[in-house]
Amino acid sequence: MMGELTPHVTVTMVPREATVLHANAQRNPEPKMSRHEVCLLLGATGVGKTLLLKRLLKLSLQGAVEMDSPPHTLPTVGTNLTDMTLRRKKLTIRELGGCMGPIWPSYFNDCSSVIFVVDSSNIAQVSASCIQLLSVLSAEPLRDASVLIIFNKRDVHCTMSLVEMRSLFRLDDVVACAPQPITMLEASARSGTGLREVLAWLESVAK
């Protein structure tokens, strides 16, 4: 008489550490970058976006900016990503080169705030900057974005006054018609004037 067959069972031992790591990964999945964590930095070529970004990053890290020797910069070709931590929230600022104006809209879906920089010392560039600004404000994906307009290079002697800039850009009409909340600030990335106000605005939109 044949005895009962005993089923063959294979037991695989899983290290306790691996089980704990797997459980922690399920409870704490890696956070994904959301549209609320990206700010676009836009403006024509030569308006000072790259220097502004470097100054803001240093200010956010050290609480002060050394103004004696501004870092060397070159016109941005393509994009420049910079991560900042403001009030324990990560914010990625994506600088787009001025020469990329025609393809800026391809980046509009991935952000919730915009900084638009204007060179207030270059009157010949006002018309082009105004057209670019209106194009940004009329873009449907940016309808709910917070917008900061920075009139940069206030340290230059031949700079236009804020009253002149508002008149040339017809900003009163633009603000009245635009669906976005718009803030305007004067600044100088070279001297540091106004940078703390820009950083405060970034902190407000990074909530």
N, C-alpha and C. Protein backbone atom coordinates (compact mmCIF):
# COMPACT_ATOMS: atom_id res chain seq x y z
N MET A 1 0.85 -1.20 0.00
CA MET A 1 0.00 0.00 0.00
C MET A 1 0.88 1.24 0.00
N MET A 2 0.57 2.12 -0.93
CA MET A 2 1.39 3.32 -1.03
C MET A 2 0.96 4.34 0.01
N GLY A 3 1.95 5.00 0.60
CA GLY A 3 1.66 6.04 1.59
C GLY A 3 1.13 7.30 0.92
N GLU A 4 0.60 8.15 1.72
CA GLU A 4 0.08 9.42 1.18
C GLU A 4 1.22 10.27 0.63
N LEU A 5 0.93 10.94 -0.49
CA LEU A 5 1.91 11.83 -1.09
C LEU A 5 1.94 13.16 -0.34
N THR A 6 3.13 13.57 -0.03
CA THR A 6 3.27 14.87 0.66
C THR A 6 3.58 15.96 -0.35
N PRO A 7 2.74 16.99 -0.46
CA PRO A 7 2.99 18.05 -1.46
C PRO A 7 4.30 18.75 -1.19
N HIS A 8 4.99 19.08 -2.27
CA HIS A 8 6.28 19.77 -2.15
C HIS A 8 6.06 21.27 -2.02
N VAL A 9 6.52 21.84 -0.97
CA VAL A 9 6.32 23.27 -0.71
C VAL A 9 7.67 23.95 -0.68
N THR A 10 7.80 25.04 -1.47
CA THR A 10 9.03 25.82 -1.48
C THR A 10 8.83 27.10 -0.69
N VAL A 11 9.68 27.31 0.27
CA VAL A 11 9.58 28.50 1.12
C VAL A 11 10.75 29.43 0.80
N THR A 12 10.43 30.64 0.43
CA THR A 12 11.46 31.64 0.15
C THR A 12 11.55 32.61 1.31
N MET A 13 12.70 32.72 1.89
CA MET A 13 12.90 33.62 3.03
C MET A 13 13.20 35.03 2.51
N VAL A 14 12.41 36.00 2.95
CA VAL A 14 12.62 37.39 2.57
C VAL A 14 13.23 38.12 3.76
N PRO A 15 14.38 38.76 3.57
CA PRO A 15 14.99 39.48 4.69
C PRO A 15 14.05 40.52 5.26
N ARG A 16 14.05 40.63 6.57
CA ARG A 16 13.16 41.58 7.24
C ARG A 16 13.41 43.00 6.76
N GLU A 17 14.69 43.35 6.48
CA GLU A 17 14.99 44.70 6.03
C GLU A 17 14.31 45.02 4.72
N ALA A 18 14.27 44.04 3.81
CA ALA A 18 13.62 44.26 2.52
C ALA A 18 12.13 44.47 2.68
N THR A 19 11.52 43.71 3.62
CA THR A 19 10.09 43.86 3.87
C THR A 19 9.78 45.25 4.41
N VAL A 20 10.62 45.71 5.34
CA VAL A 20 10.42 47.03 5.92
C VAL A 20 10.57 48.12 4.87
N LEU A 21 11.61 48.00 4.01
CA LEU A 21 11.82 48.99 2.97
C LEU A 21 10.65 49.04 2.01
N HIS A 22 10.12 47.84 1.66
CA HIS A 22 8.99 47.79 0.73
C HIS A 22 7.76 48.46 1.36
N ALA A 23 7.54 48.17 2.65
CA ALA A 23 6.39 48.76 3.33
C ALA A 23 6.52 50.27 3.42
N ASN A 24 7.73 50.75 3.72
CA ASN A 24 7.95 52.20 3.79
C ASN A 24 7.75 52.86 2.44
N ALA A 25 8.18 52.19 1.37
CA ALA A 25 8.02 52.74 0.02
C ALA A 25 6.55 52.87 -0.34
N GLN A 26 5.73 51.90 0.15
CA GLN A 26 4.30 51.99 -0.14
C GLN A 26 3.65 53.11 0.65
N ARG A 27 4.10 53.29 1.90
CA ARG A 27 3.51 54.34 2.73
C ARG A 27 3.99 55.72 2.32
N ASN A 28 5.26 55.80 1.87
CA ASN A 28 5.86 57.09 1.53
C ASN A 28 6.38 57.07 0.10
N PRO A 29 5.48 57.07 -0.89
CA PRO A 29 5.95 57.07 -2.28
C PRO A 29 6.71 58.33 -2.59
N GLU A 30 7.64 58.24 -3.52
CA GLU A 30 8.44 59.41 -3.90
C GLU A 30 7.54 60.47 -4.50
N PRO A 31 7.58 61.69 -3.96
CA PRO A 31 6.69 62.74 -4.47
C PRO A 31 7.01 63.10 -5.91
N LYS A 32 5.96 63.32 -6.68
CA LYS A 32 6.13 63.71 -8.07
C LYS A 32 6.09 65.23 -8.17
N MET A 33 6.82 65.77 -9.16
CA MET A 33 6.82 67.20 -9.38
C MET A 33 5.46 67.62 -9.94
N SER A 34 4.79 68.50 -9.26
CA SER A 34 3.48 68.96 -9.71
C SER A 34 3.63 70.34 -10.34
N ARG A 35 2.56 70.77 -11.04
CA ARG A 35 2.61 72.05 -11.72
C ARG A 35 2.70 73.21 -10.74
N HIS A 36 2.32 72.95 -9.47
CA HIS A 36 2.34 74.00 -8.48
C HIS A 36 3.75 74.26 -7.94
N GLU A 37 4.73 73.51 -8.40
CA GLU A 37 6.08 73.67 -7.88
C GLU A 37 7.03 74.25 -8.92
N VAL A 38 6.52 74.72 -10.04
CA VAL A 38 7.37 75.22 -11.12
C VAL A 38 7.00 76.67 -11.45
N CYS A 39 8.03 77.51 -11.51
CA CYS A 39 7.86 78.91 -11.90
C CYS A 39 8.69 79.16 -13.15
N LEU A 40 8.07 79.75 -14.16
CA LEU A 40 8.79 80.09 -15.39
C LEU A 40 9.42 81.47 -15.26
N LEU A 41 10.67 81.57 -15.68
CA LEU A 41 11.38 82.85 -15.72
C LEU A 41 11.56 83.23 -17.18
N LEU A 42 10.84 84.27 -17.60
CA LEU A 42 10.80 84.64 -19.01
C LEU A 42 11.27 86.08 -19.21
N GLY A 43 11.57 86.41 -20.46
CA GLY A 43 12.00 87.75 -20.82
C GLY A 43 12.88 87.71 -22.04
N ALA A 44 13.02 88.84 -22.70
CA ALA A 44 13.83 88.92 -23.91
C ALA A 44 15.30 88.66 -23.59
N THR A 45 16.09 88.43 -24.62
CA THR A 45 17.52 88.22 -24.46
C THR A 45 18.20 89.46 -23.87
N GLY A 46 19.04 89.26 -22.86
CA GLY A 46 19.81 90.35 -22.30
C GLY A 46 19.13 91.15 -21.21
N VAL A 47 17.97 90.72 -20.73
CA VAL A 47 17.27 91.50 -19.70
C VAL A 47 17.82 91.23 -18.30
N GLY A 48 18.65 90.20 -18.14
CA GLY A 48 19.26 89.92 -16.84
C GLY A 48 18.64 88.77 -16.08
N LYS A 49 18.01 87.83 -16.77
CA LYS A 49 17.33 86.72 -16.10
C LYS A 49 18.32 85.82 -15.35
N THR A 50 19.43 85.47 -16.01
CA THR A 50 20.38 84.53 -15.41
C THR A 50 21.02 85.10 -14.15
N LEU A 51 21.45 86.35 -14.20
CA LEU A 51 22.04 86.98 -13.02
C LEU A 51 21.01 87.10 -11.90
N LEU A 52 19.80 87.45 -12.26
CA LEU A 52 18.72 87.54 -11.28
C LEU A 52 18.53 86.20 -10.57
N LEU A 53 18.52 85.13 -11.34
CA LEU A 53 18.31 83.80 -10.77
C LEU A 53 19.45 83.41 -9.83
N LYS A 54 20.68 83.70 -10.23
CA LYS A 54 21.83 83.38 -9.37
C LYS A 54 21.79 84.18 -8.07
N ARG A 55 21.42 85.44 -8.16
CA ARG A 55 21.33 86.27 -6.96
C ARG A 55 20.23 85.76 -6.03
N LEU A 56 19.08 85.40 -6.59
CA LEU A 56 17.98 84.91 -5.77
C LEU A 56 18.33 83.60 -5.08
N LEU A 57 19.02 82.71 -5.79
CA LEU A 57 19.41 81.44 -5.20
C LEU A 57 20.36 81.67 -4.03
N LYS A 58 21.34 82.55 -4.22
CA LYS A 58 22.29 82.84 -3.15
C LYS A 58 21.59 83.49 -1.97
N LEU A 59 20.66 84.39 -2.25
CA LEU A 59 19.92 85.06 -1.19
C LEU A 59 19.09 84.07 -0.39
N SER A 60 18.47 83.11 -1.07
CA SER A 60 17.64 82.12 -0.38
C SER A 60 18.47 81.18 0.48
N LEU A 61 19.72 80.93 0.08
CA LEU A 61 20.58 80.02 0.82
C LEU A 61 21.32 80.69 1.96
N GLN A 62 21.77 81.93 1.74
CA GLN A 62 22.64 82.59 2.70
C GLN A 62 21.98 83.76 3.43
N GLY A 63 20.86 84.22 2.92
CA GLY A 63 20.20 85.35 3.55
C GLY A 63 20.83 86.69 3.22
N ALA A 64 21.89 86.68 2.41
CA ALA A 64 22.56 87.92 2.01
C ALA A 64 23.24 87.68 0.67
N VAL A 65 23.45 88.75 -0.07
CA VAL A 65 24.08 88.64 -1.38
C VAL A 65 25.27 89.59 -1.45
N GLU A 66 26.42 89.08 -1.85
CA GLU A 66 27.60 89.91 -2.05
C GLU A 66 27.48 90.63 -3.39
N MET A 67 27.47 91.93 -3.36
CA MET A 67 27.19 92.70 -4.57
C MET A 67 28.44 93.24 -5.26
N ASP A 68 29.61 93.03 -4.70
CA ASP A 68 30.82 93.64 -5.26
C ASP A 68 31.19 93.04 -6.61
N SER A 69 31.05 91.75 -6.76
CA SER A 69 31.49 91.09 -8.00
C SER A 69 30.40 90.16 -8.51
N PRO A 70 29.55 90.65 -9.40
CA PRO A 70 28.49 89.80 -9.94
C PRO A 70 29.08 88.63 -10.71
N PRO A 71 28.49 87.43 -10.59
CA PRO A 71 29.01 86.28 -11.31
C PRO A 71 28.90 86.45 -12.81
N HIS A 72 29.82 85.85 -13.54
CA HIS A 72 29.80 85.94 -15.00
C HIS A 72 28.62 85.13 -15.54
N THR A 73 27.92 85.71 -16.49
CA THR A 73 26.79 85.01 -17.11
C THR A 73 26.87 85.12 -18.62
N LEU A 74 26.24 84.17 -19.28
CA LEU A 74 26.11 84.17 -20.73
C LEU A 74 24.63 84.07 -21.08
N PRO A 75 24.22 84.56 -22.24
CA PRO A 75 22.82 84.42 -22.63
C PRO A 75 22.40 82.94 -22.62
N THR A 76 21.25 82.68 -22.02
CA THR A 76 20.77 81.31 -21.92
C THR A 76 20.28 80.82 -23.26
N VAL A 77 20.82 79.68 -23.68
CA VAL A 77 20.37 79.01 -24.90
C VAL A 77 19.73 77.71 -24.45
N GLY A 78 18.42 77.61 -24.58
CA GLY A 78 17.71 76.44 -24.07
C GLY A 78 17.04 76.79 -22.75
N THR A 79 17.13 75.88 -21.79
CA THR A 79 16.51 76.10 -20.50
C THR A 79 17.53 75.96 -19.38
N ASN A 80 17.22 76.56 -18.26
CA ASN A 80 18.09 76.51 -17.09
C ASN A 80 17.21 76.24 -15.88
N LEU A 81 17.38 75.08 -15.25
CA LEU A 81 16.56 74.69 -14.10
C LEU A 81 17.31 74.96 -12.80
N THR A 82 16.64 75.61 -11.87
CA THR A 82 17.23 75.89 -10.55
C THR A 82 16.22 75.54 -9.48
N ASP A 83 16.64 74.71 -8.53
CA ASP A 83 15.77 74.32 -7.42
C ASP A 83 16.03 75.21 -6.22
N MET A 84 14.96 75.67 -5.60
CA MET A 84 15.05 76.48 -4.39
C MET A 84 14.10 75.90 -3.36
N THR A 85 14.48 75.99 -2.08
CA THR A 85 13.60 75.56 -1.00
C THR A 85 13.17 76.80 -0.23
N LEU A 86 11.87 77.08 -0.28
CA LEU A 86 11.31 78.26 0.36
C LEU A 86 10.22 77.82 1.33
N ARG A 87 10.42 78.14 2.61
CA ARG A 87 9.46 77.73 3.63
C ARG A 87 9.21 76.23 3.58
N ARG A 88 10.28 75.47 3.44
CA ARG A 88 10.26 74.01 3.43
C ARG A 88 9.51 73.44 2.24
N LYS A 89 9.29 74.24 1.23
CA LYS A 89 8.65 73.75 0.01
C LYS A 89 9.60 73.94 -1.16
N LYS A 90 9.75 72.88 -1.95
CA LYS A 90 10.66 72.94 -3.09
C LYS A 90 9.99 73.66 -4.26
N LEU A 91 10.73 74.60 -4.83
CA LEU A 91 10.25 75.33 -6.00
C LEU A 91 11.32 75.25 -7.08
N THR A 92 10.92 74.85 -8.26
CA THR A 92 11.84 74.80 -9.38
C THR A 92 11.57 75.99 -10.29
N ILE A 93 12.61 76.79 -10.53
CA ILE A 93 12.49 77.91 -11.45
C ILE A 93 13.10 77.49 -12.78
N ARG A 94 12.31 77.55 -13.83
CA ARG A 94 12.77 77.19 -15.17
C ARG A 94 12.97 78.45 -15.99
N GLU A 95 14.23 78.79 -16.22
CA GLU A 95 14.55 79.95 -17.06
C GLU A 95 14.56 79.51 -18.52
N LEU A 96 13.85 80.26 -19.35
CA LEU A 96 13.82 79.98 -20.78
C LEU A 96 14.55 81.11 -21.51
N GLY A 97 15.45 80.76 -22.41
CA GLY A 97 16.19 81.76 -23.15
C GLY A 97 15.28 82.67 -23.96
N GLY A 98 15.67 83.93 -24.07
CA GLY A 98 14.86 84.87 -24.83
C GLY A 98 14.71 84.48 -26.29
N CYS A 99 15.74 83.83 -26.84
CA CYS A 99 15.68 83.41 -28.24
C CYS A 99 14.70 82.27 -28.46
N MET A 100 14.20 81.68 -27.35
CA MET A 100 13.25 80.57 -27.45
C MET A 100 11.80 81.05 -27.43
N GLY A 101 11.60 82.36 -27.53
CA GLY A 101 10.26 82.91 -27.45
C GLY A 101 9.19 82.15 -28.22
N PRO A 102 9.46 81.76 -29.48
CA PRO A 102 8.42 81.06 -30.25
C PRO A 102 7.98 79.73 -29.66
N ILE A 103 8.82 79.11 -28.83
CA ILE A 103 8.42 77.81 -28.26
C ILE A 103 8.17 77.88 -26.75
N TRP A 104 8.12 79.09 -26.19
CA TRP A 104 7.75 79.22 -24.78
C TRP A 104 6.45 78.50 -24.46
N PRO A 105 5.42 78.62 -25.31
CA PRO A 105 4.13 77.99 -24.97
C PRO A 105 4.20 76.50 -24.68
N SER A 106 5.21 75.82 -25.20
CA SER A 106 5.31 74.38 -24.95
C SER A 106 5.62 74.08 -23.49
N TYR A 107 6.01 75.10 -22.72
CA TYR A 107 6.32 74.92 -21.30
C TYR A 107 5.23 75.47 -20.39
N PHE A 108 4.18 76.04 -20.95
CA PHE A 108 3.17 76.72 -20.14
C PHE A 108 2.33 75.76 -19.30
N ASN A 109 2.18 74.52 -19.73
CA ASN A 109 1.33 73.59 -19.00
C ASN A 109 1.97 73.08 -17.72
N ASP A 110 3.25 73.29 -17.55
CA ASP A 110 3.99 72.71 -16.42
C ASP A 110 4.31 73.70 -15.32
N CYS A 111 3.57 74.78 -15.23
CA CYS A 111 3.89 75.77 -14.21
C CYS A 111 2.63 76.41 -13.65
N SER A 112 2.79 77.07 -12.52
CA SER A 112 1.67 77.79 -11.91
C SER A 112 2.01 79.24 -11.62
N SER A 113 3.25 79.65 -11.91
CA SER A 113 3.63 81.05 -11.71
C SER A 113 4.65 81.45 -12.76
N VAL A 114 4.70 82.76 -13.03
CA VAL A 114 5.58 83.28 -14.07
C VAL A 114 6.24 84.55 -13.58
N ILE A 115 7.54 84.65 -13.81
CA ILE A 115 8.27 85.91 -13.63
C ILE A 115 8.67 86.40 -15.00
N PHE A 116 8.24 87.60 -15.35
CA PHE A 116 8.57 88.19 -16.64
C PHE A 116 9.48 89.38 -16.39
N VAL A 117 10.69 89.34 -16.95
CA VAL A 117 11.71 90.36 -16.69
C VAL A 117 11.80 91.32 -17.87
N VAL A 118 11.85 92.61 -17.55
CA VAL A 118 11.96 93.66 -18.56
C VAL A 118 13.22 94.47 -18.27
N ASP A 119 13.98 94.78 -19.31
CA ASP A 119 15.15 95.65 -19.18
C ASP A 119 14.66 97.09 -19.26
N SER A 120 14.61 97.76 -18.11
CA SER A 120 14.07 99.12 -18.09
C SER A 120 15.07 100.16 -18.59
N SER A 121 16.26 99.72 -19.00
CA SER A 121 17.23 100.66 -19.56
C SER A 121 17.30 100.58 -21.08
N ASN A 122 16.54 99.69 -21.68
CA ASN A 122 16.62 99.45 -23.12
C ASN A 122 15.28 99.81 -23.76
N ILE A 123 15.12 101.05 -24.16
CA ILE A 123 13.85 101.49 -24.74
C ILE A 123 13.59 100.85 -26.10
N ALA A 124 14.66 100.45 -26.79
CA ALA A 124 14.49 99.83 -28.10
C ALA A 124 13.87 98.44 -28.00
N GLN A 125 13.91 97.87 -26.80
CA GLN A 125 13.40 96.51 -26.61
C GLN A 125 11.98 96.48 -26.05
N VAL A 126 11.45 97.65 -25.73
CA VAL A 126 10.15 97.72 -25.08
C VAL A 126 9.05 97.11 -25.92
N SER A 127 9.02 97.43 -27.20
CA SER A 127 7.96 96.94 -28.08
C SER A 127 7.95 95.41 -28.12
N ALA A 128 9.11 94.80 -28.32
CA ALA A 128 9.19 93.34 -28.39
C ALA A 128 8.80 92.71 -27.05
N SER A 129 9.24 93.33 -25.96
CA SER A 129 8.91 92.79 -24.63
C SER A 129 7.41 92.89 -24.36
N CYS A 130 6.80 93.96 -24.81
CA CYS A 130 5.36 94.13 -24.62
C CYS A 130 4.58 93.06 -25.36
N ILE A 131 4.99 92.76 -26.58
CA ILE A 131 4.33 91.72 -27.37
C ILE A 131 4.48 90.37 -26.69
N GLN A 132 5.69 90.09 -26.19
CA GLN A 132 5.92 88.82 -25.50
C GLN A 132 5.06 88.72 -24.23
N LEU A 133 4.97 89.80 -23.48
CA LEU A 133 4.18 89.81 -22.26
C LEU A 133 2.71 89.56 -22.55
N LEU A 134 2.18 90.23 -23.54
CA LEU A 134 0.77 90.04 -23.90
C LEU A 134 0.51 88.61 -24.35
N SER A 135 1.48 88.02 -25.06
CA SER A 135 1.34 86.63 -25.49
C SER A 135 1.29 85.68 -24.29
N VAL A 136 2.12 85.96 -23.30
CA VAL A 136 2.13 85.13 -22.09
C VAL A 136 0.81 85.26 -21.33
N LEU A 137 0.34 86.49 -21.15
CA LEU A 137 -0.87 86.71 -20.37
C LEU A 137 -2.12 86.18 -21.05
N SER A 138 -2.09 86.08 -22.36
CA SER A 138 -3.27 85.59 -23.09
C SER A 138 -3.27 84.08 -23.28
N ALA A 139 -2.22 83.40 -22.83
CA ALA A 139 -2.14 81.95 -23.00
C ALA A 139 -3.10 81.27 -22.04
N GLU A 140 -3.94 80.41 -22.55
CA GLU A 140 -4.95 79.73 -21.74
C GLU A 140 -4.35 78.89 -20.61
N PRO A 141 -3.25 78.15 -20.82
CA PRO A 141 -2.69 77.36 -19.72
C PRO A 141 -2.19 78.20 -18.54
N LEU A 142 -1.96 79.49 -18.79
CA LEU A 142 -1.46 80.37 -17.73
C LEU A 142 -2.56 81.26 -17.14
N ARG A 143 -3.78 80.92 -17.44
CA ARG A 143 -4.90 81.76 -17.02
C ARG A 143 -4.96 81.93 -15.50
N ASP A 144 -4.60 80.89 -14.76
CA ASP A 144 -4.66 80.94 -13.30
C ASP A 144 -3.29 81.13 -12.65
N ALA A 145 -2.29 81.40 -13.46
CA ALA A 145 -0.93 81.54 -12.92
C ALA A 145 -0.74 82.90 -12.25
N SER A 146 0.07 82.93 -11.21
CA SER A 146 0.47 84.20 -10.60
C SER A 146 1.60 84.78 -11.43
N VAL A 147 1.56 86.07 -11.70
CA VAL A 147 2.54 86.71 -12.59
C VAL A 147 3.24 87.85 -11.87
N LEU A 148 4.56 87.84 -11.97
CA LEU A 148 5.38 88.94 -11.45
C LEU A 148 6.13 89.58 -12.60
N ILE A 149 5.96 90.88 -12.79
CA ILE A 149 6.70 91.63 -13.80
C ILE A 149 7.80 92.39 -13.08
N ILE A 150 9.05 92.12 -13.47
CA ILE A 150 10.20 92.79 -12.84
C ILE A 150 10.81 93.77 -13.84
N PHE A 151 10.89 95.03 -13.43
CA PHE A 151 11.59 96.03 -14.23
C PHE A 151 13.03 96.06 -13.72
N ASN A 152 13.90 95.37 -14.42
CA ASN A 152 15.26 95.15 -13.99
C ASN A 152 16.20 96.28 -14.44
N LYS A 153 17.41 96.25 -13.90
CA LYS A 153 18.49 97.20 -14.23
C LYS A 153 18.17 98.62 -13.78
N ARG A 154 17.58 98.72 -12.59
CA ARG A 154 17.26 100.04 -12.07
C ARG A 154 18.51 100.82 -11.67
N ASP A 155 19.66 100.14 -11.65
CA ASP A 155 20.91 100.81 -11.28
C ASP A 155 21.52 101.58 -12.45
N VAL A 156 21.04 101.34 -13.66
CA VAL A 156 21.59 102.00 -14.85
C VAL A 156 21.06 103.44 -14.91
N HIS A 157 21.95 104.38 -15.19
CA HIS A 157 21.58 105.80 -15.13
C HIS A 157 20.52 106.17 -16.18
N CYS A 158 20.56 105.52 -17.33
CA CYS A 158 19.63 105.90 -18.41
C CYS A 158 18.31 105.13 -18.33
N THR A 159 18.07 104.50 -17.20
CA THR A 159 16.85 103.69 -17.09
C THR A 159 15.60 104.57 -17.12
N MET A 160 14.51 103.98 -17.60
CA MET A 160 13.23 104.70 -17.61
C MET A 160 12.56 104.57 -16.26
N SER A 161 11.76 105.56 -15.91
CA SER A 161 11.04 105.52 -14.64
C SER A 161 9.91 104.51 -14.72
N LEU A 162 9.42 104.13 -13.55
CA LEU A 162 8.30 103.18 -13.52
C LEU A 162 7.07 103.78 -14.18
N VAL A 163 6.87 105.07 -14.02
CA VAL A 163 5.73 105.73 -14.66
C VAL A 163 5.84 105.62 -16.18
N GLU A 164 7.05 105.84 -16.71
CA GLU A 164 7.26 105.71 -18.15
C GLU A 164 7.05 104.28 -18.62
N MET A 165 7.53 103.31 -17.85
CA MET A 165 7.36 101.92 -18.23
C MET A 165 5.89 101.51 -18.23
N ARG A 166 5.17 101.95 -17.21
CA ARG A 166 3.74 101.62 -17.14
C ARG A 166 3.00 102.22 -18.32
N SER A 167 3.42 103.42 -18.73
CA SER A 167 2.76 104.07 -19.86
C SER A 167 3.08 103.36 -21.17
N LEU A 168 4.35 103.02 -21.39
CA LEU A 168 4.75 102.37 -22.63
C LEU A 168 4.11 100.99 -22.77
N PHE A 169 3.99 100.27 -21.67
CA PHE A 169 3.38 98.94 -21.69
C PHE A 169 1.86 98.97 -21.55
N ARG A 170 1.33 100.18 -21.27
CA ARG A 170 -0.11 100.34 -21.00
C ARG A 170 -0.53 99.35 -19.92
N LEU A 171 0.27 99.31 -18.86
CA LEU A 171 0.08 98.28 -17.84
C LEU A 171 -1.23 98.41 -17.08
N ASP A 172 -1.74 99.61 -16.93
CA ASP A 172 -3.03 99.76 -16.25
C ASP A 172 -4.12 99.01 -17.00
N ASP A 173 -4.11 99.13 -18.33
CA ASP A 173 -5.09 98.41 -19.15
C ASP A 173 -4.82 96.91 -19.12
N VAL A 174 -3.53 96.54 -19.16
CA VAL A 174 -3.17 95.12 -19.16
C VAL A 174 -3.63 94.45 -17.87
N VAL A 175 -3.35 95.10 -16.74
CA VAL A 175 -3.73 94.52 -15.44
C VAL A 175 -5.25 94.43 -15.32
N ALA A 176 -5.96 95.42 -15.84
CA ALA A 176 -7.42 95.43 -15.75
C ALA A 176 -8.04 94.31 -16.57
N CYS A 177 -7.40 93.94 -17.68
CA CYS A 177 -7.98 92.95 -18.59
C CYS A 177 -7.45 91.52 -18.36
N ALA A 178 -6.28 91.41 -17.78
CA ALA A 178 -5.67 90.09 -17.61
C ALA A 178 -6.40 89.28 -16.55
N PRO A 179 -6.58 87.97 -16.77
CA PRO A 179 -7.24 87.13 -15.77
C PRO A 179 -6.33 86.78 -14.59
N GLN A 180 -5.02 86.94 -14.77
CA GLN A 180 -4.07 86.55 -13.73
C GLN A 180 -3.88 87.66 -12.69
N PRO A 181 -3.54 87.28 -11.47
CA PRO A 181 -3.08 88.28 -10.50
C PRO A 181 -1.67 88.73 -10.88
N ILE A 182 -1.47 90.03 -11.06
CA ILE A 182 -0.19 90.56 -11.54
C ILE A 182 0.44 91.46 -10.49
N THR A 183 1.70 91.23 -10.21
CA THR A 183 2.49 92.06 -9.30
C THR A 183 3.62 92.69 -10.09
N MET A 184 3.95 93.95 -9.81
CA MET A 184 5.05 94.63 -10.49
C MET A 184 6.07 95.11 -9.47
N LEU A 185 7.34 94.86 -9.77
CA LEU A 185 8.41 95.28 -8.87
C LEU A 185 9.56 95.88 -9.67
N GLU A 186 10.25 96.84 -9.07
CA GLU A 186 11.50 97.36 -9.63
C GLU A 186 12.65 96.65 -8.95
N ALA A 187 13.69 96.33 -9.71
CA ALA A 187 14.82 95.60 -9.12
C ALA A 187 16.08 95.85 -9.92
N SER A 188 17.18 95.47 -9.31
CA SER A 188 18.47 95.46 -9.99
C SER A 188 19.21 94.20 -9.55
N ALA A 189 19.35 93.27 -10.48
CA ALA A 189 20.07 92.05 -10.15
C ALA A 189 21.53 92.34 -9.84
N ARG A 190 22.07 93.40 -10.42
CA ARG A 190 23.48 93.73 -10.19
C ARG A 190 23.71 94.35 -8.81
N SER A 191 22.87 95.30 -8.41
CA SER A 191 23.07 95.96 -7.12
C SER A 191 22.35 95.27 -5.98
N GLY A 192 21.37 94.44 -6.31
CA GLY A 192 20.60 93.73 -5.28
C GLY A 192 19.33 94.43 -4.87
N THR A 193 19.09 95.59 -5.40
CA THR A 193 17.87 96.33 -5.07
C THR A 193 16.63 95.53 -5.47
N GLY A 194 15.71 95.39 -4.53
CA GLY A 194 14.44 94.73 -4.83
C GLY A 194 14.45 93.21 -4.80
N LEU A 195 15.61 92.59 -4.58
CA LEU A 195 15.67 91.13 -4.62
C LEU A 195 14.91 90.48 -3.47
N ARG A 196 14.95 91.10 -2.31
CA ARG A 196 14.21 90.53 -1.17
C ARG A 196 12.71 90.54 -1.43
N GLU A 197 12.23 91.57 -2.12
CA GLU A 197 10.81 91.62 -2.47
C GLU A 197 10.46 90.53 -3.48
N VAL A 198 11.37 90.27 -4.41
CA VAL A 198 11.15 89.19 -5.38
C VAL A 198 11.11 87.85 -4.67
N LEU A 199 12.02 87.64 -3.73
CA LEU A 199 12.06 86.39 -2.97
C LEU A 199 10.79 86.23 -2.13
N ALA A 200 10.31 87.31 -1.56
CA ALA A 200 9.07 87.26 -0.79
C ALA A 200 7.90 86.86 -1.67
N TRP A 201 7.88 87.37 -2.89
CA TRP A 201 6.81 86.98 -3.83
C TRP A 201 6.90 85.48 -4.14
N LEU A 202 8.11 84.98 -4.37
CA LEU A 202 8.28 83.55 -4.64
C LEU A 202 7.80 82.71 -3.46
N GLU A 203 8.09 83.16 -2.25
CA GLU A 203 7.62 82.44 -1.06
C GLU A 203 6.11 82.41 -1.00
N SER A 204 5.47 83.50 -1.42
CA SER A 204 4.01 83.56 -1.38
C SER A 204 3.35 82.62 -2.37
N VAL A 205 3.99 82.41 -3.53
CA VAL A 205 3.40 81.52 -4.53
C VAL A 205 3.82 80.08 -4.32
N ALA A 206 4.80 79.84 -3.43
CA ALA A 206 5.25 78.48 -3.16
C ALA A 206 4.46 77.83 -2.04
N LYS A 207 3.42 78.47 -1.55
CA LYS A 207 2.64 77.90 -0.46
C LYS A 207 1.89 76.65 -0.93
